[in-house]
N, C-alpha and C. Protein backbone atom coordinates (compact mmCIF):
# COMPACT_ATOMS: atom_id res chain seq x y z
N UNK A 1 4.85 0.95 5.34
CA UNK A 1 4.03 0.21 6.25
C UNK A 1 2.93 -0.50 5.46
N UNK A 2 2.65 -1.74 5.83
CA UNK A 2 1.59 -2.49 5.19
C UNK A 2 0.34 -2.42 6.05
N UNK A 3 -0.76 -1.99 5.43
CA UNK A 3 -2.03 -1.88 6.14
C UNK A 3 -2.97 -2.93 5.58
N UNK A 4 -3.57 -3.72 6.48
CA UNK A 4 -4.44 -4.82 6.10
C UNK A 4 -5.89 -4.41 6.33
N UNK A 5 -6.70 -4.49 5.29
CA UNK A 5 -8.12 -4.18 5.38
C UNK A 5 -8.90 -5.46 5.10
N UNK A 6 -9.95 -5.72 5.86
CA UNK A 6 -10.78 -6.88 5.60
C UNK A 6 -11.14 -7.65 6.84
N UNK A 7 -11.40 -8.94 6.65
CA UNK A 7 -11.92 -9.77 7.74
C UNK A 7 -11.78 -11.25 7.40
N UNK A 8 -12.03 -12.08 8.39
CA UNK A 8 -12.13 -13.54 8.24
C UNK A 8 -13.56 -13.93 8.61
N UNK A 9 -14.09 -14.91 7.91
CA UNK A 9 -15.36 -15.50 8.32
C UNK A 9 -15.33 -16.98 8.00
N UNK A 10 -16.45 -17.65 8.11
CA UNK A 10 -16.50 -19.09 7.89
C UNK A 10 -16.14 -19.52 6.48
N UNK A 11 -16.23 -18.61 5.52
CA UNK A 11 -15.93 -18.96 4.14
C UNK A 11 -14.50 -18.63 3.73
N UNK A 12 -13.76 -17.92 4.58
CA UNK A 12 -12.37 -17.62 4.24
C UNK A 12 -11.86 -16.31 4.79
N UNK A 13 -10.71 -15.93 4.30
CA UNK A 13 -10.07 -14.68 4.69
C UNK A 13 -10.13 -13.72 3.51
N UNK A 14 -10.66 -12.55 3.75
CA UNK A 14 -10.83 -11.55 2.70
C UNK A 14 -10.09 -10.28 3.11
N UNK A 15 -8.90 -10.11 2.57
CA UNK A 15 -8.08 -8.96 2.94
C UNK A 15 -7.43 -8.34 1.70
N UNK A 16 -7.41 -7.03 1.72
CA UNK A 16 -6.62 -6.27 0.77
C UNK A 16 -5.53 -5.60 1.59
N UNK A 17 -4.29 -5.79 1.18
CA UNK A 17 -3.16 -5.17 1.86
C UNK A 17 -2.59 -4.09 0.96
N UNK A 18 -2.38 -2.93 1.53
CA UNK A 18 -1.78 -1.82 0.79
C UNK A 18 -0.47 -1.45 1.47
N UNK A 19 0.59 -1.48 0.70
CA UNK A 19 1.91 -1.10 1.19
C UNK A 19 2.06 0.40 0.96
N UNK A 20 1.89 1.18 2.03
CA UNK A 20 1.92 2.64 1.89
C UNK A 20 3.32 3.17 1.55
N UNK A 21 4.34 2.38 1.82
CA UNK A 21 5.69 2.78 1.42
C UNK A 21 5.86 2.74 -0.10
N UNK A 22 5.14 1.81 -0.74
CA UNK A 22 5.21 1.67 -2.20
C UNK A 22 4.18 2.54 -2.93
N UNK A 23 3.05 2.79 -2.29
CA UNK A 23 1.97 3.57 -2.91
C UNK A 23 2.45 4.98 -3.20
N UNK A 24 2.23 5.43 -4.44
CA UNK A 24 2.63 6.79 -4.80
C UNK A 24 1.44 7.76 -4.86
N UNK A 25 0.25 7.28 -4.49
CA UNK A 25 -0.93 8.15 -4.42
C UNK A 25 -1.49 8.57 -5.76
N UNK A 26 -1.19 7.80 -6.81
CA UNK A 26 -1.65 8.18 -8.15
C UNK A 26 -3.17 8.04 -8.31
N UNK A 27 -3.80 7.13 -7.56
CA UNK A 27 -5.24 6.94 -7.63
C UNK A 27 -5.73 6.09 -8.78
N UNK A 28 -4.83 5.47 -9.53
CA UNK A 28 -5.26 4.64 -10.67
C UNK A 28 -6.14 3.47 -10.22
N UNK A 29 -5.84 2.87 -9.09
CA UNK A 29 -6.65 1.76 -8.58
C UNK A 29 -8.06 2.25 -8.23
N UNK A 30 -8.13 3.44 -7.71
CA UNK A 30 -9.41 4.05 -7.36
C UNK A 30 -10.28 4.23 -8.61
N UNK A 31 -9.68 4.66 -9.69
CA UNK A 31 -10.43 4.91 -10.92
C UNK A 31 -10.84 3.62 -11.63
N UNK A 32 -10.04 2.58 -11.52
CA UNK A 32 -10.30 1.34 -12.25
C UNK A 32 -11.27 0.41 -11.52
N UNK A 33 -11.39 0.54 -10.21
CA UNK A 33 -12.23 -0.38 -9.42
C UNK A 33 -13.71 -0.13 -9.68
N UNK A 34 -14.42 -1.12 -10.24
CA UNK A 34 -15.84 -0.93 -10.54
C UNK A 34 -16.71 -0.87 -9.29
N UNK A 35 -16.19 -1.34 -8.16
CA UNK A 35 -16.95 -1.33 -6.91
C UNK A 35 -16.66 -0.09 -6.06
N UNK A 36 -15.72 0.74 -6.47
CA UNK A 36 -15.42 1.96 -5.72
C UNK A 36 -14.88 1.70 -4.32
N UNK A 37 -14.04 0.69 -4.20
CA UNK A 37 -13.52 0.28 -2.89
C UNK A 37 -12.47 1.24 -2.34
N UNK A 38 -11.70 1.86 -3.20
CA UNK A 38 -10.56 2.66 -2.76
C UNK A 38 -10.86 4.16 -2.71
N UNK A 39 -10.12 4.85 -1.84
CA UNK A 39 -10.15 6.31 -1.80
C UNK A 39 -8.76 6.81 -1.40
N UNK A 40 -8.46 8.02 -1.82
CA UNK A 40 -7.18 8.62 -1.47
C UNK A 40 -7.29 9.30 -0.12
N UNK A 41 -6.22 9.26 0.65
CA UNK A 41 -6.17 9.89 1.96
C UNK A 41 -4.76 10.38 2.22
N UNK A 42 -4.60 11.20 3.20
CA UNK A 42 -3.28 11.65 3.62
C UNK A 42 -2.93 10.89 4.89
N UNK A 43 -1.77 10.21 4.88
CA UNK A 43 -1.38 9.41 6.05
C UNK A 43 -0.73 10.28 7.13
N UNK A 44 -0.26 9.64 8.17
CA UNK A 44 0.34 10.34 9.31
C UNK A 44 1.62 11.07 8.96
N UNK A 45 2.19 10.79 7.79
CA UNK A 45 3.43 11.41 7.35
C UNK A 45 3.20 12.43 6.23
N UNK A 46 1.94 12.88 6.10
CA UNK A 46 1.53 13.86 5.08
C UNK A 46 1.75 13.38 3.66
N UNK A 47 1.70 12.08 3.46
CA UNK A 47 1.84 11.49 2.13
C UNK A 47 0.46 11.04 1.65
N UNK A 48 0.12 11.34 0.41
CA UNK A 48 -1.14 10.88 -0.17
C UNK A 48 -0.99 9.42 -0.56
N UNK A 49 -1.88 8.59 -0.04
CA UNK A 49 -1.89 7.15 -0.31
C UNK A 49 -3.33 6.70 -0.50
N UNK A 50 -3.49 5.51 -1.02
CA UNK A 50 -4.83 4.94 -1.19
C UNK A 50 -5.16 4.08 0.02
N UNK A 51 -6.45 3.97 0.31
CA UNK A 51 -6.92 3.08 1.37
C UNK A 51 -8.27 2.51 0.95
N UNK A 52 -8.69 1.47 1.65
CA UNK A 52 -10.03 0.91 1.45
C UNK A 52 -11.00 1.79 2.25
N UNK A 53 -12.10 2.16 1.64
CA UNK A 53 -13.09 3.00 2.32
C UNK A 53 -13.55 2.33 3.61
N UNK A 54 -13.66 3.12 4.66
CA UNK A 54 -14.00 2.58 5.98
C UNK A 54 -15.27 1.75 5.98
N UNK A 55 -16.32 2.20 5.35
CA UNK A 55 -17.59 1.49 5.36
C UNK A 55 -17.61 0.20 4.56
N UNK A 56 -16.55 -0.07 3.81
CA UNK A 56 -16.54 -1.26 2.95
C UNK A 56 -15.63 -2.38 3.47
N UNK A 57 -14.92 -2.15 4.52
CA UNK A 57 -13.95 -3.13 5.02
C UNK A 57 -14.58 -4.48 5.35
N UNK A 58 -15.77 -4.48 5.92
CA UNK A 58 -16.40 -5.73 6.33
C UNK A 58 -17.24 -6.36 5.23
N UNK A 59 -17.20 -5.79 4.03
CA UNK A 59 -17.96 -6.35 2.91
C UNK A 59 -17.06 -6.69 1.72
N UNK A 60 -15.76 -6.70 1.92
CA UNK A 60 -14.83 -6.93 0.81
C UNK A 60 -15.09 -8.25 0.09
N UNK A 61 -15.40 -9.30 0.82
CA UNK A 61 -15.64 -10.60 0.22
C UNK A 61 -16.84 -10.61 -0.72
N UNK A 62 -17.77 -9.71 -0.52
CA UNK A 62 -18.95 -9.60 -1.37
C UNK A 62 -18.78 -8.58 -2.48
N UNK A 63 -18.09 -7.50 -2.19
CA UNK A 63 -17.93 -6.41 -3.15
C UNK A 63 -16.80 -6.67 -4.13
N UNK A 64 -15.67 -7.11 -3.61
CA UNK A 64 -14.48 -7.31 -4.44
C UNK A 64 -14.31 -8.79 -4.70
N UNK A 65 -14.26 -9.15 -5.95
CA UNK A 65 -14.13 -10.56 -6.31
C UNK A 65 -12.67 -10.95 -6.54
N UNK A 66 -11.77 -10.11 -6.10
CA UNK A 66 -10.35 -10.41 -6.25
C UNK A 66 -9.84 -9.99 -7.61
N UNK A 67 -8.57 -9.75 -7.69
CA UNK A 67 -8.00 -9.22 -8.92
C UNK A 67 -8.02 -10.22 -10.07
N UNK A 68 -8.12 -11.51 -9.78
CA UNK A 68 -8.15 -12.51 -10.84
C UNK A 68 -9.48 -12.43 -11.59
N UNK A 69 -10.56 -12.23 -10.88
CA UNK A 69 -11.90 -12.18 -11.47
C UNK A 69 -12.22 -10.78 -11.99
N UNK A 70 -11.81 -9.78 -11.25
CA UNK A 70 -12.18 -8.39 -11.57
C UNK A 70 -11.30 -7.84 -12.68
N UNK A 71 -11.86 -7.71 -13.82
CA UNK A 71 -11.15 -7.12 -14.97
C UNK A 71 -12.07 -6.09 -15.60
N UNK A 72 -11.61 -4.89 -15.74
CA UNK A 72 -12.38 -3.85 -16.41
C UNK A 72 -11.55 -3.41 -17.61
N UNK A 73 -11.93 -3.86 -18.77
CA UNK A 73 -11.16 -3.54 -19.96
C UNK A 73 -9.78 -4.16 -19.94
N UNK A 74 -9.65 -5.31 -19.25
CA UNK A 74 -8.36 -5.99 -19.18
C UNK A 74 -7.42 -5.44 -18.11
N UNK A 75 -7.89 -4.48 -17.32
CA UNK A 75 -7.05 -3.88 -16.28
C UNK A 75 -7.75 -4.04 -14.94
N UNK A 76 -6.99 -4.44 -13.94
CA UNK A 76 -7.53 -4.53 -12.58
C UNK A 76 -6.68 -3.65 -11.67
N UNK A 77 -7.01 -3.60 -10.38
CA UNK A 77 -6.28 -2.71 -9.47
C UNK A 77 -4.81 -3.10 -9.36
N UNK A 78 -4.51 -4.39 -9.47
CA UNK A 78 -3.11 -4.83 -9.39
C UNK A 78 -2.29 -4.32 -10.59
N UNK A 79 -2.83 -4.49 -11.76
CA UNK A 79 -2.08 -4.05 -12.94
C UNK A 79 -2.11 -2.53 -13.09
N UNK A 80 -3.13 -1.85 -12.55
CA UNK A 80 -3.18 -0.39 -12.59
C UNK A 80 -2.17 0.22 -11.62
N UNK A 81 -1.81 -0.53 -10.58
CA UNK A 81 -0.88 -0.04 -9.56
C UNK A 81 0.56 -0.32 -10.01
N UNK A 82 1.17 0.66 -10.62
CA UNK A 82 2.53 0.48 -11.15
C UNK A 82 3.56 0.16 -10.07
N UNK A 83 3.46 0.74 -8.86
CA UNK A 83 4.46 0.40 -7.83
C UNK A 83 4.21 -0.96 -7.18
N UNK A 84 3.08 -1.60 -7.47
CA UNK A 84 2.78 -2.91 -6.89
C UNK A 84 2.46 -2.85 -5.41
N UNK A 85 1.66 -1.87 -5.02
CA UNK A 85 1.37 -1.67 -3.60
C UNK A 85 0.14 -2.44 -3.11
N UNK A 86 -0.62 -3.09 -4.00
CA UNK A 86 -1.88 -3.75 -3.61
C UNK A 86 -1.76 -5.26 -3.72
N UNK A 87 -2.23 -5.95 -2.67
CA UNK A 87 -2.25 -7.41 -2.65
C UNK A 87 -3.59 -7.87 -2.09
N UNK A 88 -4.18 -8.88 -2.71
CA UNK A 88 -5.41 -9.52 -2.20
C UNK A 88 -5.04 -10.84 -1.54
N UNK A 89 -5.78 -11.25 -0.51
CA UNK A 89 -5.49 -12.52 0.14
C UNK A 89 -6.31 -13.68 -0.43
N UNK A 90 -7.30 -13.41 -1.26
CA UNK A 90 -8.13 -14.49 -1.79
C UNK A 90 -8.06 -14.59 -3.26
């Protein structure tokens, strides 16, 4: 299942989509994100997956500059996610 986190405003659409079918719950994206956007949770099927923290959903456009800009040591959440479960809309 694909879960969309984020919002639209006058400046654009700011969404992070996580494909929980692909997510293996490794938490690498959580560790690499300098803004601390992600956290691990257990879904309705008792599978550990990553999600965007509830309190940060409406601030993604300010906190997360997208995977193209966000590089920590040459690694971002997209490249840290080996199954390719994370997508940004901006």
